[in-house]
Protein backbone atom coordinates (compact mmCIF):
# COMPACT_ATOMS: atom_id res chain seq x y z
CA MET A 1 50.17 -34.67 -229.83
CA ASP A 2 47.28 -33.21 -227.89
CA ASN A 3 44.17 -35.53 -228.99
CA THR A 4 41.59 -32.72 -228.35
CA TYR A 5 42.26 -31.09 -231.36
CA GLN A 6 39.73 -32.45 -234.14
CA VAL A 7 40.15 -31.84 -237.88
CA LYS A 8 37.05 -30.12 -239.33
CA LEU A 9 36.13 -30.07 -243.48
CA ILE A 10 35.99 -26.50 -244.05
CA GLU A 11 32.67 -25.87 -246.39
CA THR A 12 31.31 -22.22 -245.77
CA ASP A 13 32.77 -18.93 -246.84
CA HIS A 14 32.30 -17.79 -243.04
CA GLU A 15 35.03 -21.12 -242.00
CA ILE A 16 36.68 -20.25 -245.53
CA GLN A 17 37.64 -16.77 -243.98
CA GLN A 18 38.42 -17.84 -240.56
CA CYS A 19 41.36 -19.73 -242.28
CA TRP A 20 43.11 -16.44 -243.55
CA GLU A 21 45.89 -15.98 -240.73
CA VAL A 22 46.79 -19.19 -241.47
CA VAL A 23 46.69 -19.31 -245.09
CA PHE A 24 48.69 -15.57 -245.22
CA LEU A 25 51.57 -17.50 -243.27
CA LEU A 26 51.87 -19.84 -245.88
CA ARG A 27 50.78 -17.73 -248.89
CA PRO A 28 51.55 -14.13 -248.12
CA HIS A 29 50.87 -13.27 -252.04
CA LEU A 30 47.13 -13.54 -251.96
CA ASN A 31 45.16 -11.10 -251.42
CA LYS A 32 42.24 -11.27 -248.16
CA ASN A 33 39.60 -9.29 -250.37
CA ASN A 34 39.34 -12.20 -253.02
CA TRP A 35 40.43 -15.28 -250.74
CA ALA A 36 37.23 -16.87 -250.28
CA THR A 37 36.10 -16.14 -253.90
CA MET A 38 38.85 -17.87 -255.11
CA ILE A 39 38.57 -20.51 -252.87
CA SER A 40 34.94 -20.81 -253.47
CA GLU A 41 35.39 -21.09 -257.09
CA MET A 42 38.21 -23.76 -256.56
CA MET A 43 36.31 -26.00 -254.58
CA GLN A 44 33.30 -25.92 -257.03
CA HIS A 45 35.41 -26.01 -259.96
CA GLU A 46 38.61 -27.50 -259.36
CA LYS A 47 37.59 -30.44 -256.86
CA TYR A 48 38.95 -28.71 -253.94
CA SER A 49 38.54 -28.92 -250.18
CA ILE A 50 40.16 -27.62 -247.35
CA ALA A 51 40.50 -29.48 -243.85
CA GLY A 52 41.38 -27.41 -240.65
CA ILE A 53 42.26 -27.53 -237.30
CA MET A 54 40.25 -25.20 -234.52
CA ASP A 55 41.67 -24.32 -231.16
CA ASN A 56 39.71 -21.58 -229.13
CA GLY A 57 37.80 -20.77 -231.77
CA ARG A 58 40.50 -19.94 -234.48
CA PHE A 59 41.58 -22.30 -237.14
CA VAL A 60 45.39 -22.81 -236.27
CA ALA A 61 45.81 -25.25 -239.35
CA PHE A 62 44.72 -26.15 -242.62
CA ALA A 63 45.31 -28.17 -245.64
CA GLY A 64 43.72 -27.58 -249.34
CA TYR A 65 43.65 -30.71 -251.49
CA ARG A 66 42.07 -31.75 -254.78
CA SER A 67 41.15 -34.74 -256.34
CA MET A 68 42.58 -35.36 -259.79
CA THR A 69 44.35 -37.54 -262.37
CA SER A 70 47.43 -37.35 -264.16
CA LEU A 71 49.20 -39.43 -266.77
CA HIS A 72 52.26 -39.28 -264.42
CA SER A 73 50.77 -40.05 -260.83
CA GLY A 74 47.33 -41.71 -261.73
CA ASN A 75 44.31 -41.23 -259.95
CA ILE A 76 45.49 -39.09 -256.37
CA ILE A 77 44.60 -36.24 -253.91
CA TYR A 78 47.42 -33.45 -254.51
CA LEU A 79 48.03 -31.38 -251.78
CA ASP A 80 48.05 -27.90 -252.49
CA ASP A 81 48.49 -26.19 -249.23
CA LEU A 82 49.53 -27.34 -245.46
CA CYS A 83 50.64 -24.88 -242.80
CA THR A 84 50.38 -24.63 -239.16
CA LEU A 85 50.61 -21.07 -237.02
CA GLU A 86 54.15 -21.01 -235.79
CA SER A 87 52.94 -21.03 -231.98
CA TYR A 88 50.81 -24.44 -232.77
CA ARG A 89 54.03 -26.25 -234.43
CA GLY A 90 55.65 -29.06 -232.75
CA LYS A 91 52.12 -30.51 -231.83
CA GLY A 92 51.80 -33.13 -234.44
CA LEU A 93 48.56 -30.89 -236.31
CA ALA A 94 50.28 -31.27 -239.52
CA SER A 95 50.62 -35.03 -239.50
CA GLN A 96 46.93 -35.05 -238.37
CA LEU A 97 45.83 -33.26 -241.08
CA LEU A 98 48.10 -35.81 -243.50
CA ASN A 99 46.66 -38.36 -241.97
CA TYR A 100 43.45 -37.07 -242.46
CA VAL A 101 44.40 -36.57 -246.35
CA LYS A 102 45.33 -39.88 -246.38
CA ALA A 103 42.02 -41.31 -244.77
CA VAL A 104 40.44 -39.30 -247.63
CA ALA A 105 42.52 -40.64 -250.27
CA LEU A 106 41.96 -44.30 -249.42
CA SER A 107 38.54 -44.05 -248.79
CA GLU A 108 37.97 -42.60 -252.43
CA LYS A 109 40.26 -45.25 -253.47
CA LYS A 110 43.16 -42.95 -254.84
CA ASP A 111 46.26 -44.20 -256.01
CA ALA A 112 48.78 -41.60 -253.86
CA VAL A 113 48.71 -38.42 -251.70
CA VAL A 114 50.93 -36.03 -253.98
CA LEU A 115 52.53 -32.91 -253.04
CA ASP A 116 55.34 -30.45 -254.15
CA THR A 117 57.46 -28.49 -251.62
CA ASP A 118 60.05 -26.22 -251.72
CA PHE A 119 63.70 -27.26 -251.94
CA THR A 120 65.06 -24.87 -248.81
CA ASN A 121 61.90 -26.05 -246.68
CA ASN A 122 63.90 -28.78 -244.70
CA THR A 123 61.08 -28.21 -241.64
CA ALA A 124 58.33 -29.36 -244.01
CA GLN A 125 60.28 -31.86 -245.85
CA LYS A 126 61.14 -33.89 -242.65
CA VAL A 127 57.30 -34.08 -241.64
CA TYR A 128 56.57 -35.47 -244.97
CA LEU A 129 59.32 -37.98 -244.67
CA ASN A 130 58.26 -38.90 -241.35
CA ASN A 131 54.54 -39.50 -242.54
CA GLY A 132 55.40 -41.78 -245.06
CA PHE A 133 56.03 -39.61 -248.19
CA GLN A 134 59.01 -40.26 -250.69
CA LEU A 135 60.93 -38.27 -252.75
CA ALA A 136 59.73 -39.15 -256.16
CA ALA A 137 59.99 -36.23 -258.66
CA LEU A 138 61.61 -32.90 -259.57
CA HIS A 139 58.90 -30.33 -259.82
CA LEU A 140 60.13 -27.51 -262.35
CA ALA A 141 58.40 -24.30 -263.09
CA CYS A 142 59.06 -21.77 -266.36
CA PRO A 143 57.43 -18.38 -264.91
CA LEU A 144 55.79 -16.41 -267.70
């Protein structure tokens, strides 16, 4: 892994907008016109944070996470989003972001970092398992 990559906490509307390329890769259903507003509201009302990694002035990887408490998992950080641009995959950026989120969780005395991933996303599952995550639950949803 190239140690020149630095994780940066994303805080401004401009920085949020700069993440669009990576976000759209993971969440193509989102609308670029309301992306920054949606994230700003999540940051303000839902304890949502974004960390990113830049290279040559552009974000090439990001992680979106939130602090929350649930009866099931306790006092946790829930990792909503993690993505790296395809041309930057295999450089350890996802692991670097996962380590960053785990460090945040430790510093905030959380019980765990929890996430969901698609059943078919074997590449992501391998990254998570190689970074200390364990299969702990089956996530179900009822579309309305």
